[in-house]
Amino acid sequence: MSLGTFVKRVRDIMWKDAGINGDAQRIEQMAWMLLLKVYDAKEEEWEAIEPDYTPSLPEKYRWRSWAVDRRDGQARTGEALLIFVNNYLFPELKNLEIDETSPMSKVMLRTAFEDCNNYSKDGVLLRQVINVIDELEFEDYSDRHAFGEIYENILKSLQSAGSSGEFYTPRAVTDFMAQILSPKLGERVADFACGTGGFLTSALKLLDAQVKTVEDKEQYSRSIYGIEKKPLPYLLCVTNMFLHDIDDPAVFHANTLEKNVRDYKEGDRFDVVLMNPPFGGNEKEGIKINFPADLRSSETYDLFMTVIMYRLKKSGRAAVIIPDGFLFGTDNAKVAIKKKLLEEFNLHTVLRMPHSVFSPYASITTNILFFDHATPTAETWFYRLDMPEGYKHFSKTKPIRLEHFAPALEWWGERREIAVDGFDKARRYAVGELVERNYNLDLCGFPHEEEEILPPHELIQQYQEKRASLNADIDRILVEIEAKLGIGVEA
C-alpha cells in the first residue's frame, strides 16, 4: 500500500466519524491501532525466537484475535465493536499486570494506553479503519522499515495539528544534528523530552548501518534512552521504537524536570544527547527546587540545559536546539547557565538557523548549540545558516530539507571566518570575549531579515524575553556604578 493511499483512506473514513475532531484526535486514533498492530507483529517474532515466550495480553485481546477480519462474518463491527473496545480492550490495556520482572515492552504498552482514548463513536467506521490498518505488513524487518515512510508522514502532520506541533522537529534538522555528532555502536543516545522520537530514530538510522554481528544488534537495541511527558507523543514514540526494532526501548512517560539534578550518578549519564527542549512551557513552581539556586529559571529550555549538563558523560557530546532568548538573555539564571556551560564544557559551535524552520507550528528563530564535556571552552565558532536561494520562508509545502544544511556541512570541515556585505556570517570568538559581553551570545545573526509578523503569543514571549534581558543589563550596570561610587556599600 502506498503512502498517499494509506493516509487518504484512513483520513477519509475518520472524517465521517462524529466522535473524532481535528488532526490531533485523528492521529491519536490512528496511533493506538498502529501500536497494537505493530506490537502483535513483534510478539509473533518473539514467539518464533523464544519458545517459552509469554504474550503480554490474554489471547482474546491480541490484535490477531479481535481486529483481523477473516471475511467469515465473525468480525465485530458496529455497536458490538465499540462495546468491546471501550468496555473490555481499553480497560485491559490500561490495567496490564506488571512488576519488576515484566519486560520493558509490556510496561510501555500499559503506559502508552494509560492516557489514551478511543474517540470513535461509529463502530462501522471503526471497523473500516481497522481493516485498512490490518492490510499493512509488519511481519519482518523490511516490512517495518518500508512502513517508516508512512509513519514519518503521520508524525509530520503533527506540525500543523494545533499545539501538538511542539512534539515534532523537522526530520532534516534531527538528521543533520545526528550526522554531526555521529553516534557509534556501544554509545548511548539520550533525549530528555523526546516527543515522537525523531532524534532517537535519526540516531538509530546511523547506528543500524553499523550493525554487522549478533553482538552489534544487541548493542543497537540498548543504544537509546528517552523521556516524554505528554501521552500522545509518548504513544507515537513507542510505536516508532518498535518499528526500528528496539524491542525493549528505554523510553519513559515522565517529566524529566521532576528529578533533582544533584541526584544523578555516573550511570545516569550519556555519551550523546540530542534535544529540542520545549520552549515557553510552564512548570509548577516546586520544579525549581530540583536545581541549584543560581540555575533556577522560569524558562523550561533553561532548566533542560542544566539537566543536559548534569547528564552528559565526561567526554560526551551534545547538540541542542535553543531559541534566541537563550543567546541574548542576561538575567541571572541565564548568565549562570551559560557561565557553567563555558567553564565546564566545550561550546565549540553555535549554528544560527533561519526563521520559520518550525513553521507552521512556530516562527521563533532557533539555534543549535554543539558542545562536549571534554575541556572548558577556549573558543566558540558562530555560523549563520542563511535561507536557501529561492526561499523567502519555510512552510508546510516547502519545508527545510537536509540538503539545505549542505553549506554548513561544507564549512564544518574547514572552518573559516566569513563576512557577507560587511556582516559576520561565520566568526570565531575567544571565550574571554564572550565573558566580556556578559555571556550575550547573540552573534553572527541575520542583519537584513525582513520583520516578520508573529502570532500574538509568540510576539509577547519575544518581547518579554527582550525586556527581561534589558532589565538584567540595567540592574547589572547600576550595581557596578553604585559600587564605584560607594553607594549602598557598608563602611
Protein backbone atom coordinates (compact mmCIF):
# COMPACT_ATOMS: atom_id res chain seq x y z
CA MET A 1 0.00 0.00 0.00
CA SER A 2 1.42 3.40 -0.98
CA LEU A 3 1.98 6.24 1.44
CA GLY A 4 -0.66 8.50 -0.08
CA THR A 5 -3.24 5.71 -0.40
CA PHE A 6 -2.98 4.62 3.25
CA VAL A 7 -3.19 8.09 4.78
CA LYS A 8 -6.01 9.20 2.47
CA ARG A 9 -8.10 6.08 3.06
CA VAL A 10 -7.85 6.35 6.84
CA ARG A 11 -8.45 10.11 6.85
CA ASP A 12 -11.48 9.83 4.56
CA ILE A 13 -13.10 7.26 6.87
CA MET A 14 -12.35 9.20 10.05
CA TRP A 15 -13.81 12.43 8.64
CA LYS A 16 -17.23 10.73 8.71
CA ASP A 17 -16.97 9.80 12.41
CA ALA A 18 -18.68 12.41 14.61
CA GLY A 19 -16.56 11.40 17.60
CA ILE A 20 -13.23 12.37 16.02
CA ASN A 21 -12.48 16.10 15.86
CA GLY A 22 -9.32 17.62 14.37
CA ASP A 23 -5.99 16.25 13.24
CA ALA A 24 -4.66 15.63 16.75
CA GLN A 25 -7.53 13.24 17.58
CA ARG A 26 -7.28 11.55 14.19
CA ILE A 27 -3.57 10.97 14.77
CA GLU A 28 -4.13 9.57 18.27
CA GLN A 29 -6.91 7.30 16.99
CA MET A 30 -4.65 6.00 14.24
CA ALA A 31 -1.72 5.70 16.65
CA TRP A 32 -3.26 3.33 19.18
CA MET A 33 -4.39 0.95 16.44
CA LEU A 34 -1.00 1.07 14.75
CA LEU A 35 0.73 0.34 18.06
CA LEU A 36 -1.42 -2.75 18.68
CA LYS A 37 -0.88 -3.96 15.10
CA VAL A 38 2.90 -3.45 15.32
CA TYR A 39 3.05 -4.98 18.80
CA ASP A 40 1.23 -8.09 17.60
CA ALA A 41 3.70 -8.48 14.72
CA LYS A 42 6.61 -8.11 17.17
CA GLU A 43 5.08 -10.71 19.50
CA GLU A 44 4.79 -13.12 16.60
CA GLU A 45 8.51 -12.60 16.01
CA TRP A 46 9.37 -13.03 19.70
CA GLU A 47 7.31 -16.25 19.87
CA ALA A 48 9.29 -17.69 16.96
CA ILE A 49 12.62 -16.86 18.64
CA GLU A 50 11.69 -17.78 22.23
CA PRO A 51 9.63 -20.99 22.60
CA ASP A 52 8.77 -20.05 26.21
CA TYR A 53 7.64 -16.52 25.36
CA THR A 54 4.59 -15.38 27.36
CA PRO A 55 2.33 -12.93 25.48
CA SER A 56 1.68 -9.61 27.20
CA LEU A 57 -2.06 -9.81 26.53
CA PRO A 58 -4.63 -12.57 27.01
CA GLU A 59 -5.37 -14.23 23.68
CA LYS A 60 -8.76 -12.55 23.13
CA TYR A 61 -7.20 -9.07 23.36
CA ARG A 62 -4.39 -9.65 20.87
CA TRP A 63 -4.78 -7.88 17.50
CA ARG A 64 -4.87 -11.19 15.63
CA SER A 65 -7.86 -12.33 17.71
CA TRP A 66 -10.22 -9.35 17.63
CA ALA A 67 -9.10 -6.98 14.86
CA VAL A 68 -8.45 -9.27 11.90
CA ASP A 69 -11.47 -9.62 9.62
CA ARG A 70 -11.34 -13.13 8.12
CA ARG A 71 -14.39 -12.42 5.96
CA ASP A 72 -16.38 -15.16 7.72
CA GLY A 73 -18.96 -12.83 9.22
CA GLN A 74 -17.50 -13.20 12.72
CA ALA A 75 -15.51 -9.94 12.94
CA ARG A 76 -17.00 -7.46 15.41
CA THR A 77 -18.42 -4.27 13.95
CA GLY A 78 -20.94 -1.58 14.84
CA GLU A 79 -22.09 -1.35 18.46
CA ALA A 80 -20.54 -4.73 19.36
CA LEU A 81 -17.10 -3.47 18.33
CA LEU A 82 -17.48 -0.22 20.31
CA ILE A 83 -18.57 -2.14 23.42
CA PHE A 84 -15.59 -4.49 23.12
CA VAL A 85 -13.04 -1.70 22.58
CA ASN A 86 -14.39 0.70 25.23
CA ASN A 87 -15.51 -1.74 27.93
CA TYR A 88 -13.03 -4.57 27.60
CA LEU A 89 -9.96 -3.86 25.43
CA PHE A 90 -9.03 -0.44 26.82
CA PRO A 91 -9.57 -1.39 30.49
CA GLU A 92 -7.37 -4.47 29.93
CA LEU A 93 -4.60 -2.39 28.33
CA LYS A 94 -4.76 0.33 30.99
CA ASN A 95 -4.51 -2.25 33.79
CA LEU A 96 -1.97 -4.76 32.49
CA GLU A 97 -0.34 -6.51 35.42
CA ILE A 98 3.31 -5.52 35.58
CA ASP A 99 6.07 -5.94 38.15
CA GLU A 100 9.84 -5.60 38.34
CA THR A 101 10.26 -8.74 36.17
CA SER A 102 8.00 -7.52 33.35
CA PRO A 103 9.75 -6.79 30.03
CA MET A 104 10.03 -3.13 29.14
CA SER A 105 7.85 -3.72 26.08
CA LYS A 106 4.91 -4.76 28.28
CA VAL A 107 5.48 -1.85 30.68
CA MET A 108 5.48 0.55 27.74
CA LEU A 109 2.28 -0.97 26.32
CA ARG A 110 0.42 -0.29 29.57
CA THR A 111 1.98 3.17 29.97
CA ALA A 112 1.10 4.15 26.40
CA PHE A 113 -2.58 3.35 26.99
CA GLU A 114 -2.95 4.86 30.46
CA ASP A 115 -3.92 8.26 28.99
CA CYS A 116 -5.17 7.01 25.61
CA ASN A 117 -8.75 7.25 24.36
CA ASN A 118 -10.91 5.70 21.69
CA TYR A 119 -12.65 8.68 20.10
CA SER A 120 -14.69 6.75 17.55
CA LYS A 121 -18.47 6.80 18.06
CA ASP A 122 -19.31 4.81 14.95
CA GLY A 123 -18.44 1.13 15.18
CA VAL A 124 -18.91 0.54 11.45
CA LEU A 125 -16.40 3.29 10.58
CA LEU A 126 -14.04 1.98 13.27
CA ARG A 127 -14.16 -1.46 11.65
CA GLN A 128 -13.32 0.10 8.29
CA VAL A 129 -10.27 1.89 9.72
CA ILE A 130 -9.10 -1.31 11.46
CA ASN A 131 -9.38 -3.22 8.18
CA VAL A 132 -7.23 -0.64 6.36
CA ILE A 133 -4.58 -0.75 9.09
CA ASP A 134 -4.63 -4.54 9.09
CA GLU A 135 -3.62 -4.53 5.42
CA LEU A 136 -0.21 -3.16 6.46
CA GLU A 137 2.56 -5.73 6.72
CA PHE A 138 4.93 -5.65 9.69
CA GLU A 139 5.95 -9.29 9.86
CA ASP A 140 9.63 -8.81 9.02
CA TYR A 141 12.38 -6.22 9.19
CA SER A 142 12.00 -4.96 5.62
CA ASP A 143 8.22 -4.56 6.00
CA ARG A 144 8.60 -2.44 9.13
CA HIS A 145 11.24 -0.24 7.56
CA ALA A 146 9.16 0.21 4.40
CA PHE A 147 6.32 1.44 6.60
CA GLY A 148 8.68 4.02 8.10
CA GLU A 149 7.87 6.42 5.24
CA ILE A 150 4.16 6.28 6.02
CA TYR A 151 4.74 6.67 9.75
CA GLU A 152 7.04 9.65 9.19
CA ASN A 153 4.28 11.32 7.18
CA ILE A 154 1.82 10.73 10.04
CA LEU A 155 4.26 12.30 12.50
CA LYS A 156 4.93 15.22 10.17
CA SER A 157 1.23 16.02 10.10
CA LEU A 158 1.55 16.80 13.82
CA GLN A 159 3.33 20.00 12.83
CA SER A 160 0.04 21.51 11.70
CA ALA A 161 -2.14 19.78 14.31
CA GLY A 162 -2.56 22.69 16.69
CA SER A 163 -0.43 22.61 19.84
CA SER A 164 0.73 19.08 19.03
CA GLY A 165 3.28 20.61 16.64
CA GLU A 166 5.64 21.13 19.58
CA PHE A 167 6.37 17.41 19.57
CA TYR A 168 7.76 17.26 16.04
CA THR A 169 11.17 18.55 14.98
CA PRO A 170 11.65 18.57 11.18
CA ARG A 171 13.47 15.39 10.21
CA ALA A 172 16.06 17.35 8.21
CA VAL A 173 17.10 19.05 11.46
CA THR A 174 17.28 15.85 13.55
CA ASP A 175 19.20 14.05 10.78
CA PHE A 176 21.69 16.91 10.46
CA MET A 177 22.34 17.08 14.20
CA ALA A 178 22.72 13.30 14.47
CA GLN A 179 25.07 13.29 11.47
CA ILE A 180 27.30 15.89 13.13
CA LEU A 181 27.50 14.00 16.44
CA SER A 182 27.87 10.66 14.63
CA PRO A 183 26.91 8.18 17.40
CA LYS A 184 28.75 4.85 17.44
CA LEU A 185 27.62 1.38 18.48
CA GLY A 186 28.31 0.96 22.18
CA GLU A 187 27.37 4.57 22.94
CA ARG A 188 24.03 5.54 24.48
CA VAL A 189 21.99 8.34 22.94
CA ALA A 190 19.50 10.31 25.06
CA ASP A 191 16.68 12.80 24.55
CA PHE A 192 15.07 14.01 27.77
CA ALA A 193 11.99 15.45 26.02
CA CYS A 194 11.82 13.01 23.14
CA GLY A 195 8.39 13.79 21.66
CA THR A 196 7.63 11.28 18.93
CA GLY A 197 11.22 10.00 18.94
CA GLY A 198 12.63 11.96 15.99
CA PHE A 199 16.14 12.44 17.37
CA LEU A 200 16.27 8.84 18.56
CA THR A 201 15.27 7.49 15.15
CA SER A 202 17.79 9.74 13.38
CA ALA A 203 20.49 8.27 15.64
CA LEU A 204 19.17 4.74 15.11
CA LYS A 205 19.45 5.10 11.33
CA LEU A 206 23.16 5.82 11.71
CA LEU A 207 23.64 3.02 14.24
CA ASP A 208 21.71 0.49 12.13
CA ALA A 209 24.21 0.94 9.29
CA GLN A 210 26.97 -0.17 11.71
CA VAL A 211 25.30 -3.48 12.68
CA LYS A 212 27.24 -6.46 11.32
CA THR A 213 27.02 -9.17 14.01
CA VAL A 214 24.62 -10.51 16.67
CA GLU A 215 26.64 -8.63 19.31
CA ASP A 216 26.26 -5.43 17.27
CA LYS A 217 22.49 -5.98 17.18
CA GLU A 218 22.39 -6.31 20.97
CA GLN A 219 24.33 -3.05 21.34
CA TYR A 220 21.95 -1.40 18.87
CA SER A 221 18.93 -2.47 20.92
CA ARG A 222 20.39 -0.88 24.08
CA SER A 223 21.52 2.34 22.44
CA ILE A 224 18.69 4.79 23.12
CA TYR A 225 17.05 6.45 26.11
CA GLY A 226 14.09 8.83 26.07
CA ILE A 227 11.65 10.59 28.37
CA GLU A 228 8.39 12.19 27.25
CA LYS A 229 5.89 13.99 29.44
CA LYS A 230 2.81 14.13 27.16
CA PRO A 231 0.74 10.99 26.40
CA LEU A 232 0.16 11.36 22.63
CA PRO A 233 3.79 11.81 21.59
CA TYR A 234 4.78 9.04 24.02
CA LEU A 235 2.33 6.68 22.31
CA LEU A 236 3.74 7.65 18.91
CA CYS A 237 7.32 7.30 20.14
CA VAL A 238 6.72 3.78 21.50
CA THR A 239 5.41 2.68 18.10
CA ASN A 240 8.35 4.39 16.40
CA MET A 241 10.83 2.41 18.52
CA PHE A 242 9.16 -0.93 17.75
CA LEU A 243 9.25 -0.08 14.04
CA HIS A 244 13.01 0.45 14.40
CA ASP A 245 13.44 -2.96 16.06
CA ILE A 246 14.06 -1.68 19.57
CA ASP A 247 12.21 -4.49 21.34
CA ASP A 248 12.58 -3.22 24.92
CA PRO A 249 13.08 0.51 24.45
CA ALA A 250 14.18 2.57 27.44
CA VAL A 251 11.58 5.26 26.78
CA PHE A 252 9.66 6.54 29.79
CA HIS A 253 6.44 8.52 30.25
CA ALA A 254 7.57 11.07 32.83
CA ASN A 255 8.64 14.66 33.43
CA THR A 256 12.43 14.99 33.29
CA LEU A 257 12.35 18.17 35.37
CA GLU A 258 10.76 16.47 38.38
CA LYS A 259 14.02 14.84 39.46
CA ASN A 260 16.67 16.70 41.44
CA VAL A 261 19.68 17.16 39.14
CA ARG A 262 22.05 16.75 42.10
CA ASP A 263 20.92 13.13 42.48
CA TYR A 264 22.27 11.96 39.12
CA LYS A 265 25.08 9.41 39.31
CA GLU A 266 27.52 8.21 36.65
CA GLY A 267 25.10 5.53 35.49
CA ASP A 268 22.55 8.26 34.69
CA ARG A 269 24.85 9.96 32.19
CA PHE A 270 25.04 9.51 28.42
CA ASP A 271 27.58 9.61 25.60
CA VAL A 272 25.37 11.58 23.22
CA VAL A 273 22.48 13.97 23.87
CA LEU A 274 20.28 15.19 21.01
CA MET A 275 17.46 17.50 22.02
CA ASN A 276 14.94 20.17 21.17
CA PRO A 277 13.77 21.23 24.65
CA PRO A 278 10.22 22.62 24.95
CA PHE A 279 10.06 26.41 24.51
CA GLY A 280 7.79 28.63 26.56
CA GLY A 281 6.40 25.81 28.70
CA ASN A 282 5.12 26.32 32.21
CA GLU A 283 6.18 24.15 35.13
CA LYS A 284 4.99 24.01 38.72
CA GLU A 285 6.88 26.40 40.99
CA GLY A 286 8.12 23.43 43.01
CA ILE A 287 10.11 22.19 40.00
CA LYS A 288 12.76 24.88 40.59
CA ILE A 289 13.76 23.23 43.86
CA ASN A 290 15.32 20.44 41.77
CA PHE A 291 18.01 22.85 40.55
CA PRO A 292 20.84 24.74 42.27
CA ALA A 293 19.67 28.20 43.36
CA ASP A 294 21.72 30.11 40.78
CA LEU A 295 20.43 27.94 37.90
CA ARG A 296 16.72 28.22 38.68
CA SER A 297 14.73 29.70 35.82
CA SER A 298 11.12 30.10 34.76
CA GLU A 299 12.05 29.05 31.20
CA THR A 300 11.80 25.31 30.54
CA TYR A 301 14.62 25.34 27.99
CA ASP A 302 16.96 26.87 30.60
CA LEU A 303 16.11 24.05 33.00
CA PHE A 304 16.66 21.42 30.31
CA MET A 305 20.07 22.92 29.51
CA THR A 306 21.01 22.37 33.15
CA VAL A 307 19.70 18.78 33.04
CA ILE A 308 21.79 18.09 29.95
CA MET A 309 24.94 19.39 31.63
CA TYR A 310 24.33 17.17 34.65
CA ARG A 311 23.60 14.10 32.49
CA LEU A 312 26.35 14.32 29.86
CA LYS A 313 29.21 11.89 30.37
CA LYS A 314 32.75 13.10 30.65
CA SER A 315 33.91 13.32 27.01
CA GLY A 316 30.25 13.06 25.93
CA ARG A 317 28.85 15.37 23.24
CA ALA A 318 25.57 17.19 22.74
CA ALA A 319 23.57 19.08 20.13
CA VAL A 320 20.67 21.14 21.47
CA ILE A 321 18.14 23.44 19.79
CA ILE A 322 17.69 26.69 21.71
CA PRO A 323 15.70 29.89 20.91
CA ASP A 324 17.35 33.29 20.51
CA GLY A 325 16.25 34.22 24.03
CA PHE A 326 18.88 31.91 25.48
CA LEU A 327 21.65 33.54 23.45
CA PHE A 328 20.94 37.19 24.26
CA GLY A 329 19.43 36.65 27.72
CA THR A 330 21.47 38.21 30.55
CA ASP A 331 19.18 37.62 33.53
CA ASN A 332 20.90 35.95 36.48
CA ALA A 333 19.85 32.37 35.73
CA LYS A 334 20.75 32.51 32.03
CA VAL A 335 24.14 34.04 32.80
CA ALA A 336 24.81 31.35 35.41
CA ILE A 337 23.81 28.56 33.00
CA LYS A 338 25.98 29.95 30.17
CA LYS A 339 28.86 30.52 32.61
CA LYS A 340 28.66 26.86 33.69
CA LEU A 341 28.46 25.80 30.04
CA LEU A 342 31.61 27.71 29.07
CA GLU A 343 33.62 26.88 32.20
CA GLU A 344 32.84 23.16 32.43
CA PHE A 345 32.03 22.24 28.82
CA ASN A 346 33.43 22.99 25.40
CA LEU A 347 30.84 25.04 23.49
CA HIS A 348 32.68 24.79 20.18
CA THR A 349 29.90 25.80 17.75
CA VAL A 350 26.69 27.81 17.65
CA LEU A 351 24.73 27.40 14.42
CA ARG A 352 22.13 30.13 13.80
CA MET A 353 19.18 28.63 11.91
CA PRO A 354 16.97 30.68 9.57
CA HIS A 355 13.49 31.68 10.70
CA SER A 356 10.39 29.54 10.03
CA VAL A 357 12.25 26.21 10.39
CA PHE A 358 9.38 25.09 12.63
CA SER A 359 6.63 26.65 10.51
CA PRO A 360 3.68 26.41 10.70
CA TYR A 361 3.86 25.46 14.39
CA ALA A 362 6.15 28.30 15.48
CA SER A 363 8.13 31.18 13.96
CA ILE A 364 10.60 31.78 16.78
CA THR A 365 14.18 31.86 15.48
CA THR A 366 16.26 28.99 16.81
CA ASN A 367 19.89 27.91 17.10
CA ILE A 368 21.81 24.70 17.59
CA LEU A 369 24.42 24.55 20.35
CA PHE A 370 27.14 21.93 19.80
CA PHE A 371 29.26 21.17 22.86
CA ASP A 372 31.18 18.38 24.55
CA HIS A 373 32.30 17.51 28.05
CA ALA A 374 35.98 17.15 27.23
CA THR A 375 37.52 20.51 28.15
CA PRO A 376 36.42 24.01 29.18
CA THR A 377 35.60 26.33 26.27
CA ALA A 378 38.61 28.11 24.77
CA GLU A 379 36.83 29.50 21.70
CA THR A 380 33.40 29.30 20.07
CA TRP A 381 32.59 29.43 16.39
CA PHE A 382 29.34 31.07 15.29
CA TYR A 383 27.92 30.19 11.88
CA ARG A 384 24.79 31.62 10.25
CA LEU A 385 22.84 29.24 8.01
CA ASP A 386 21.08 31.52 5.54
CA MET A 387 17.73 30.83 3.90
CA PRO A 388 18.23 28.73 0.74
CA GLU A 389 18.17 30.54 -2.58
CA GLY A 390 14.64 30.92 -3.85
CA TYR A 391 13.08 30.66 -0.38
CA LYS A 392 11.54 33.57 1.48
CA HIS A 393 10.41 31.29 4.30
CA PHE A 394 9.82 27.61 5.00
CA SER A 395 6.27 26.26 5.01
CA LYS A 396 4.26 23.06 5.11
CA THR A 397 4.66 22.67 1.34
CA LYS A 398 8.28 23.91 1.27
CA PRO A 399 9.87 22.55 4.47
CA ILE A 400 13.54 22.64 5.34
CA ARG A 401 15.40 19.70 3.77
CA LEU A 402 18.69 18.02 4.67
CA GLU A 403 20.38 19.43 1.56
CA HIS A 404 19.73 22.93 2.91
CA PHE A 405 22.39 22.18 5.54
CA ALA A 406 24.99 21.47 2.84
CA PRO A 407 26.72 24.90 3.24
CA ALA A 408 27.08 24.28 6.98
CA LEU A 409 28.48 20.79 6.42
CA GLU A 410 30.97 22.14 3.88
CA TRP A 411 32.04 24.88 6.30
CA TRP A 412 32.21 22.46 9.26
CA GLY A 413 35.22 20.57 7.92
CA GLU A 414 37.31 23.65 7.02
CA ARG A 415 36.31 26.41 9.40
CA ARG A 416 37.00 29.93 8.29
CA GLU A 417 35.65 33.35 9.07
CA ILE A 418 33.14 34.67 6.52
CA ALA A 419 31.66 38.15 6.11
CA VAL A 420 28.82 39.00 3.71
CA ASP A 421 28.07 42.64 2.90
CA GLY A 422 30.09 43.70 5.91
CA PHE A 423 28.21 41.43 8.35
CA ASP A 424 29.69 38.34 10.01
CA LYS A 425 28.34 35.03 8.71
CA ALA A 426 30.98 32.89 10.43
CA ARG A 427 33.36 34.06 13.13
CA ARG A 428 35.45 32.66 15.97
CA TYR A 429 35.32 34.27 19.40
CA ALA A 430 37.72 33.62 22.24
CA VAL A 431 35.95 32.69 25.48
CA GLY A 432 37.24 35.89 27.08
CA GLU A 433 35.33 37.96 24.52
CA LEU A 434 32.12 36.11 25.39
CA VAL A 435 32.67 36.70 29.11
CA GLU A 436 33.27 40.42 28.45
CA ARG A 437 29.88 40.52 26.72
CA ASN A 438 28.33 39.24 29.97
CA TYR A 439 27.65 35.93 28.17
CA ASN A 440 25.49 37.54 25.49
CA LEU A 441 25.95 35.03 22.65
CA ASP A 442 23.79 36.84 20.09
CA LEU A 443 26.46 36.89 17.37
CA CYS A 444 26.50 36.32 13.59
CA GLY A 445 22.76 36.92 13.38
CA PHE A 446 20.57 37.83 10.41
CA PRO A 447 21.21 41.52 9.65
CA HIS A 448 18.86 42.07 6.71
CA GLU A 449 15.98 39.86 7.73
CA GLU A 450 12.56 41.35 6.99
CA GLU A 451 10.44 42.00 10.04
CA GLU A 452 8.10 39.07 10.48
CA ILE A 453 4.59 39.31 11.90
CA LEU A 454 4.41 36.70 14.65
CA PRO A 455 1.33 35.19 16.29
CA PRO A 456 0.38 37.23 19.40
CA HIS A 457 1.58 34.66 21.99
CA GLU A 458 4.98 34.37 20.28
CA LEU A 459 5.31 38.14 19.94
CA ILE A 460 4.54 38.56 23.65
CA GLN A 461 7.07 35.90 24.59
CA GLN A 462 9.74 37.51 22.41
CA TYR A 463 9.18 40.96 23.94
CA GLN A 464 9.10 39.52 27.46
CA GLU A 465 12.47 37.86 26.87
CA LYS A 466 13.96 41.06 25.45
CA ARG A 467 12.56 43.15 28.32
CA ALA A 468 13.93 40.73 30.92
CA SER A 469 17.33 40.83 29.23
CA LEU A 470 17.39 44.65 29.11
CA ASN A 471 16.26 44.89 32.76
CA ALA A 472 19.03 42.49 33.78
CA ASP A 473 21.59 44.61 31.90
CA ILE A 474 20.35 47.81 33.55
CA ASP A 475 20.43 46.21 37.03
CA ARG A 476 23.97 44.94 36.46
CA ILE A 477 25.22 48.34 35.26
CA LEU A 478 23.55 50.12 38.21
CA VAL A 479 25.24 47.76 40.67
CA GLU A 480 28.63 48.44 39.05
CA ILE A 481 28.07 52.23 39.17
CA GLU A 482 26.90 52.11 42.79
CA ALA A 483 29.90 50.01 43.76
CA LYS A 484 32.29 52.52 42.16
CA LEU A 485 30.57 55.44 43.90
CA GLY A 486 30.38 53.64 47.21
CA ILE A 487 26.60 53.93 47.24
CA GLY A 488 24.91 51.26 49.28
CA VAL A 489 28.23 49.79 50.37
CA GLU A 490 28.65 49.41 54.14
CA ALA A 491 31.67 51.09 55.67
